[in-house]
Amino acid sequence: MISRILPLVAIITSAVLLPAQARAASAEDINIKSAAALKQLYANNPIARSLGQQALGVLVFPEIVKGGFLVAGQFGEGALFEDGVVTGYYSSVAASVGYQAGLQKFGYALFFMNARALEYLKKSKGWSLGAGPELVVVDKGFAKDFSTTTTRKDIYAIAFDQKGLMAGLGIQGSKITRILLN
C-alpha cells in the first residue's frame, strides 16, 4: 500500500512546491476563463452579484483542481478584477492529509470589501486564507441573513461549479500567491 501512495505523494508535493511561474497559464487564458466564470456566477447568484457591486476587488479562481488519496492537493490560477479591469494574477494552492479520496473541480471568488484587505492581498508574498483579513465563506446559511447592510467583513468567499467525486470543499488554508505573467 505504501508503494502505491508514495508516487501520488511525490506528484502532489511537486505540484504544490513547483514555482508558480513554471506552471502558469497564459494571461489571456486566465482572463477569458476568469471573466466568464465571474459573469456566470453573477447570473446565477444574486448574493455574488450584490457583493460584486460593493467590492473594491474580486479575485476569481475559475477552476481549482483537487485530487488525491489520503494525501490531497489542489491548484488553480485566477485574476483580480478592480472596476472590471484585471490588475493581477494569482495562484491558489493547498495540500491536506486525512481520509480522503477522489478528484474534483470547483471555482471560487473572493470579494474584497475594503482597501485594507485588498492592500493585504497585493502586498503579501503569499497569503493563507483564514490568516490575515477576516474571511467569511458564503453558504446557504449565510444567504438567509444577507443584505447589503450586513456586509461588514473584510472578504467574502463564494465557491461555485463544484464537480467530481471528492467529498468536501475547502478553501480555508489555501495559499494565495501573486504570479507574474508576460
C-alpha atoms as a PDB file:
ATOM      1  CA  MET A   1       0.000   0.000   0.000  1.00  0.00           C
ATOM      2  CA  ILE A   2       2.812   2.422   0.861  1.00  0.00           C
ATOM      3  CA  SER A   3       4.403   1.761  -2.546  1.00  0.00           C
ATOM      4  CA  ARG A   4       1.168   2.910  -4.198  1.00  0.00           C
ATOM      5  CA  ILE A   5       0.822   6.042  -2.103  1.00  0.00           C
ATOM      6  CA  LEU A   6       4.414   7.298  -2.434  1.00  0.00           C
ATOM      7  CA  PRO A   7       4.222   8.150  -6.160  1.00  0.00           C
ATOM      8  CA  LEU A   8       0.998  10.070  -5.548  1.00  0.00           C
ATOM      9  CA  VAL A   9       2.577  11.958  -2.651  1.00  0.00           C
ATOM     10  CA  ALA A  10       5.536  12.838  -4.879  1.00  0.00           C
ATOM     11  CA  ILE A  11       3.275  14.152  -7.649  1.00  0.00           C
ATOM     12  CA  ILE A  12       1.158  16.241  -5.297  1.00  0.00           C
ATOM     13  CA  THR A  13       4.215  17.575  -3.468  1.00  0.00           C
ATOM     14  CA  SER A  14       5.848  18.525  -6.764  1.00  0.00           C
ATOM     15  CA  ALA A  15       2.720  20.329  -7.913  1.00  0.00           C
ATOM     16  CA  VAL A  16       2.453  22.238  -4.668  1.00  0.00           C
ATOM     17  CA  LEU A  17       6.139  23.140  -4.397  1.00  0.00           C
ATOM     18  CA  LEU A  18       6.828  23.895  -8.083  1.00  0.00           C
ATOM     19  CA  PRO A  19       7.241  27.655  -8.584  1.00  0.00           C
ATOM     20  CA  ALA A  20       4.007  29.261  -9.765  1.00  0.00           C
ATOM     21  CA  GLN A  21       5.636  30.744 -12.872  1.00  0.00           C
ATOM     22  CA  ALA A  22       6.670  27.258 -14.019  1.00  0.00           C
ATOM     23  CA  ARG A  23       3.069  26.089 -14.219  1.00  0.00           C
ATOM     24  CA  ALA A  24       1.241  29.321 -15.062  1.00  0.00           C
ATOM     25  CA  ALA A  25      -1.276  29.518 -17.888  1.00  0.00           C
ATOM     26  CA  SER A  26      -1.181  32.468 -20.261  1.00  0.00           C
ATOM     27  CA  ALA A  27      -2.601  35.809 -19.145  1.00  0.00           C
ATOM     28  CA  GLU A  28      -5.122  35.686 -21.990  1.00  0.00           C
ATOM     29  CA  ASP A  29      -6.332  32.227 -20.936  1.00  0.00           C
ATOM     30  CA  ILE A  30      -6.714  33.283 -17.299  1.00  0.00           C
ATOM     31  CA  ASN A  31      -8.505  36.500 -18.342  1.00  0.00           C
ATOM     32  CA  ILE A  32     -11.024  34.669 -20.524  1.00  0.00           C
ATOM     33  CA  LYS A  33     -11.778  31.916 -18.008  1.00  0.00           C
ATOM     34  CA  SER A  34     -11.954  34.268 -15.009  1.00  0.00           C
ATOM     35  CA  ALA A  35     -14.228  36.797 -16.741  1.00  0.00           C
ATOM     36  CA  ALA A  36     -16.552  34.035 -17.971  1.00  0.00           C
ATOM     37  CA  ALA A  37     -16.706  32.432 -14.515  1.00  0.00           C
ATOM     38  CA  LEU A  38     -17.485  35.752 -12.834  1.00  0.00           C
ATOM     39  CA  LYS A  39     -20.193  36.559 -15.389  1.00  0.00           C
ATOM     40  CA  GLN A  40     -21.766  33.119 -14.820  1.00  0.00           C
ATOM     41  CA  LEU A  41     -21.514  33.491 -11.029  1.00  0.00           C
ATOM     42  CA  TYR A  42     -23.274  36.877 -11.148  1.00  0.00           C
ATOM     43  CA  ALA A  43     -26.007  35.442 -13.411  1.00  0.00           C
ATOM     44  CA  ASN A  44     -26.682  32.505 -11.066  1.00  0.00           C
ATOM     45  CA  ASN A  45     -26.090  34.004  -7.620  1.00  0.00           C
ATOM     46  CA  PRO A  46     -27.760  37.253  -6.509  1.00  0.00           C
ATOM     47  CA  ILE A  47     -25.579  37.446  -3.375  1.00  0.00           C
ATOM     48  CA  ALA A  48     -22.420  37.302  -5.507  1.00  0.00           C
ATOM     49  CA  ARG A  49     -23.829  39.992  -7.794  1.00  0.00           C
ATOM     50  CA  SER A  50     -24.620  42.228  -4.801  1.00  0.00           C
ATOM     51  CA  LEU A  51     -21.197  41.665  -3.232  1.00  0.00           C
ATOM     52  CA  GLY A  52     -19.556  42.413  -6.577  1.00  0.00           C
ATOM     53  CA  GLN A  53     -21.319  45.762  -6.766  1.00  0.00           C
ATOM     54  CA  GLN A  54     -19.881  46.739  -3.371  1.00  0.00           C
ATOM     55  CA  ALA A  55     -16.440  45.110  -3.559  1.00  0.00           C
ATOM     56  CA  LEU A  56     -13.278  47.079  -4.299  1.00  0.00           C
ATOM     57  CA  GLY A  57     -11.801  43.987  -5.918  1.00  0.00           C
ATOM     58  CA  VAL A  58     -12.848  40.467  -6.858  1.00  0.00           C
ATOM     59  CA  LEU A  59     -10.297  37.650  -7.130  1.00  0.00           C
ATOM     60  CA  VAL A  60     -11.717  34.854  -9.291  1.00  0.00           C
ATOM     61  CA  PHE A  61     -10.311  31.330  -9.494  1.00  0.00           C
ATOM     62  CA  PRO A  62     -12.400  29.776 -12.279  1.00  0.00           C
ATOM     63  CA  GLU A  63     -11.059  26.260 -11.910  1.00  0.00           C
ATOM     64  CA  ILE A  64      -9.425  24.688  -8.883  1.00  0.00           C
ATOM     65  CA  VAL A  65      -8.473  21.039  -9.368  1.00  0.00           C
ATOM     66  CA  LYS A  66      -8.307  18.922  -6.215  1.00  0.00           C
ATOM     67  CA  GLY A  67      -7.327  15.279  -6.092  1.00  0.00           C
ATOM     68  CA  GLY A  68      -5.672  12.634  -4.046  1.00  0.00           C
ATOM     69  CA  PHE A  69      -5.887   9.531  -1.945  1.00  0.00           C
ATOM     70  CA  LEU A  70      -5.136  10.070   1.772  1.00  0.00           C
ATOM     71  CA  VAL A  71      -2.852  12.921   0.683  1.00  0.00           C
ATOM     72  CA  ALA A  72      -4.560  15.527  -1.493  1.00  0.00           C
ATOM     73  CA  GLY A  73      -3.518  18.669  -3.278  1.00  0.00           C
ATOM     74  CA  GLN A  74      -5.361  21.416  -5.082  1.00  0.00           C
ATOM     75  CA  PHE A  75      -4.239  24.089  -7.514  1.00  0.00           C
ATOM     76  CA  GLY A  76      -5.706  26.819  -9.692  1.00  0.00           C
ATOM     77  CA  GLU A  77      -4.991  30.229 -11.162  1.00  0.00           C
ATOM     78  CA  GLY A  78      -7.116  33.329 -11.310  1.00  0.00           C
ATOM     79  CA  ALA A  79      -7.373  37.039 -11.929  1.00  0.00           C
ATOM     80  CA  LEU A  80      -8.016  40.030  -9.702  1.00  0.00           C
ATOM     81  CA  PHE A  81     -10.623  42.444 -11.082  1.00  0.00           C
ATOM     82  CA  GLU A  82     -10.824  46.058  -9.930  1.00  0.00           C
ATOM     83  CA  ASP A  83     -13.516  48.180 -11.597  1.00  0.00           C
ATOM     84  CA  GLY A  84     -13.920  45.433 -14.204  1.00  0.00           C
ATOM     85  CA  VAL A  85     -10.230  45.504 -15.198  1.00  0.00           C
ATOM     86  CA  VAL A  86      -7.703  42.729 -14.498  1.00  0.00           C
ATOM     87  CA  THR A  87      -4.982  44.130 -12.224  1.00  0.00           C
ATOM     88  CA  GLY A  88      -3.120  40.964 -11.232  1.00  0.00           C
ATOM     89  CA  TYR A  89      -2.833  37.196 -11.461  1.00  0.00           C
ATOM     90  CA  TYR A  90      -2.737  34.756  -8.547  1.00  0.00           C
ATOM     91  CA  SER A  91      -2.403  31.057  -7.798  1.00  0.00           C
ATOM     92  CA  SER A  92      -4.283  29.112  -5.144  1.00  0.00           C
ATOM     93  CA  VAL A  93      -2.517  26.045  -3.713  1.00  0.00           C
ATOM     94  CA  ALA A  94      -3.384  23.733  -0.833  1.00  0.00           C
ATOM     95  CA  ALA A  95      -2.439  20.296   0.459  1.00  0.00           C
ATOM     96  CA  SER A  96      -4.073  18.103   3.061  1.00  0.00           C
ATOM     97  CA  VAL A  97      -3.677  14.720   4.709  1.00  0.00           C
ATOM     98  CA  GLY A  98      -6.522  12.571   6.001  1.00  0.00           C
ATOM     99  CA  TYR A  99      -9.265  10.191   4.996  1.00  0.00           C
ATOM    100  CA  GLN A 100      -9.979  11.446   1.510  1.00  0.00           C
ATOM    101  CA  ALA A 101     -10.046  10.064  -1.992  1.00  0.00           C
ATOM    102  CA  GLY A 102     -11.162  11.313  -5.361  1.00  0.00           C
ATOM    103  CA  LEU A 103     -10.940  14.138  -7.818  1.00  0.00           C
ATOM    104  CA  GLN A 104     -12.984  17.321  -8.101  1.00  0.00           C
ATOM    105  CA  LYS A 105     -13.043  20.691  -9.805  1.00  0.00           C
ATOM    106  CA  PHE A 106     -14.578  23.873  -8.492  1.00  0.00           C
ATOM    107  CA  GLY A 107     -14.145  27.610  -8.668  1.00  0.00           C
ATOM    108  CA  TYR A 108     -14.305  30.345  -6.094  1.00  0.00           C
ATOM    109  CA  ALA A 109     -14.361  34.108  -5.899  1.00  0.00           C
ATOM    110  CA  LEU A 110     -13.067  36.348  -3.122  1.00  0.00           C
ATOM    111  CA  PHE A 111     -14.820  39.702  -2.706  1.00  0.00           C
ATOM    112  CA  PHE A 112     -12.559  42.333  -1.093  1.00  0.00           C
ATOM    113  CA  MET A 113     -14.834  44.789   0.684  1.00  0.00           C
ATOM    114  CA  ASN A 114     -12.312  47.367   1.901  1.00  0.00           C
ATOM    115  CA  ALA A 115      -8.977  48.908   0.902  1.00  0.00           C
ATOM    116  CA  ARG A 116      -7.114  47.379   3.844  1.00  0.00           C
ATOM    117  CA  ALA A 117      -7.986  43.815   2.798  1.00  0.00           C
ATOM    118  CA  LEU A 118      -7.189  44.480  -0.858  1.00  0.00           C
ATOM    119  CA  GLU A 119      -3.815  46.013   0.044  1.00  0.00           C
ATOM    120  CA  TYR A 120      -3.034  42.991   2.229  1.00  0.00           C
ATOM    121  CA  LEU A 121      -3.519  40.749  -0.811  1.00  0.00           C
ATOM    122  CA  LYS A 122      -1.378  42.932  -3.050  1.00  0.00           C
ATOM    123  CA  LYS A 123       1.496  43.369  -0.580  1.00  0.00           C
ATOM    124  CA  SER A 124       1.696  39.844   0.813  1.00  0.00           C
ATOM    125  CA  LYS A 125       4.229  37.453  -0.636  1.00  0.00           C
ATOM    126  CA  GLY A 126       1.840  34.600  -0.021  1.00  0.00           C
ATOM    127  CA  TRP A 127      -1.332  34.658   2.000  1.00  0.00           C
ATOM    128  CA  SER A 128      -3.068  31.693   3.622  1.00  0.00           C
ATOM    129  CA  LEU A 129      -6.848  32.010   3.658  1.00  0.00           C
ATOM    130  CA  GLY A 130      -8.002  32.126   7.239  1.00  0.00           C
ATOM    131  CA  ALA A 131      -4.962  34.165   8.351  1.00  0.00           C
ATOM    132  CA  GLY A 132      -4.905  37.924   7.900  1.00  0.00           C
ATOM    133  CA  PRO A 133      -8.057  39.820   6.927  1.00  0.00           C
ATOM    134  CA  GLU A 134     -11.342  38.414   8.205  1.00  0.00           C
ATOM    135  CA  LEU A 135     -12.810  35.928   5.726  1.00  0.00           C
ATOM    136  CA  VAL A 136     -16.430  34.761   5.588  1.00  0.00           C
ATOM    137  CA  VAL A 137     -17.389  31.786   3.425  1.00  0.00           C
ATOM    138  CA  VAL A 138     -20.819  32.450   1.955  1.00  0.00           C
ATOM    139  CA  ASP A 139     -23.063  29.384   2.064  1.00  0.00           C
ATOM    140  CA  LYS A 140     -26.796  28.693   2.131  1.00  0.00           C
ATOM    141  CA  GLY A 141     -26.995  29.538   5.830  1.00  0.00           C
ATOM    142  CA  PHE A 142     -25.404  32.924   5.204  1.00  0.00           C
ATOM    143  CA  ALA A 143     -27.938  33.682   2.470  1.00  0.00           C
ATOM    144  CA  LYS A 144     -30.827  33.795   4.972  1.00  0.00           C
ATOM    145  CA  ASP A 145     -29.339  36.780   6.824  1.00  0.00           C
ATOM    146  CA  PHE A 146     -27.662  38.557   3.910  1.00  0.00           C
ATOM    147  CA  SER A 147     -28.456  42.118   2.946  1.00  0.00           C
ATOM    148  CA  THR A 148     -26.327  44.914   1.575  1.00  0.00           C
ATOM    149  CA  THR A 149     -26.170  46.404   5.074  1.00  0.00           C
ATOM    150  CA  THR A 150     -24.772  43.207   6.658  1.00  0.00           C
ATOM    151  CA  THR A 151     -21.562  43.161   4.596  1.00  0.00           C
ATOM    152  CA  ARG A 152     -19.170  44.316   7.285  1.00  0.00           C
ATOM    153  CA  LYS A 153     -16.374  41.759   6.970  1.00  0.00           C
ATOM    154  CA  ASP A 154     -13.113  42.189   5.028  1.00  0.00           C
ATOM    155  CA  ILE A 155     -13.529  39.401   2.475  1.00  0.00           C
ATOM    156  CA  TYR A 156     -16.373  37.143   1.369  1.00  0.00           C
ATOM    157  CA  ALA A 157     -15.726  33.855  -0.438  1.00  0.00           C
ATOM    158  CA  ILE A 158     -18.188  32.066  -2.694  1.00  0.00           C
ATOM    159  CA  ALA A 159     -17.495  28.646  -4.218  1.00  0.00           C
ATOM    160  CA  PHE A 160     -19.176  27.615  -7.460  1.00  0.00           C
ATOM    161  CA  ASP A 161     -19.348  24.884 -10.136  1.00  0.00           C
ATOM    162  CA  GLN A 162     -18.371  22.002  -7.875  1.00  0.00           C
ATOM    163  CA  LYS A 163     -17.978  18.783  -9.891  1.00  0.00           C
ATOM    164  CA  GLY A 164     -16.370  15.476  -9.099  1.00  0.00           C
ATOM    165  CA  LEU A 165     -16.171  12.616  -6.688  1.00  0.00           C
ATOM    166  CA  MET A 166     -14.365  14.036  -3.686  1.00  0.00           C
ATOM    167  CA  ALA A 167     -16.343  14.757  -0.548  1.00  0.00           C
ATOM    168  CA  GLY A 168     -15.972  18.207   0.901  1.00  0.00           C
ATOM    169  CA  LEU A 169     -14.842  21.501  -0.482  1.00  0.00           C
ATOM    170  CA  GLY A 170     -12.248  23.533   1.321  1.00  0.00           C
ATOM    171  CA  ILE A 171     -10.567  26.827   0.642  1.00  0.00           C
ATOM    172  CA  GLN A 172      -9.515  27.656   4.216  1.00  0.00           C
ATOM    173  CA  GLY A 173      -5.753  27.196   4.404  1.00  0.00           C
ATOM    174  CA  SER A 174      -5.270  27.691   0.659  1.00  0.00           C
ATOM    175  CA  LYS A 175      -2.204  29.788  -0.075  1.00  0.00           C
ATOM    176  CA  ILE A 176      -2.795  32.683  -2.447  1.00  0.00           C
ATOM    177  CA  THR A 177       0.332  33.938  -4.245  1.00  0.00           C
ATOM    178  CA  ARG A 178       0.742  36.571  -6.930  1.00  0.00           C
ATOM    179  CA  ILE A 179       2.113  35.244 -10.214  1.00  0.00           C
ATOM    180  CA  LEU A 180       3.843  37.325 -12.841  1.00  0.00           C
ATOM    181  CA  LEU A 181       2.853  36.680 -16.433  1.00  0.00           C
ATOM    182  CA  ASN A 182       4.329  38.145 -19.583  1.00  0.00           C
END
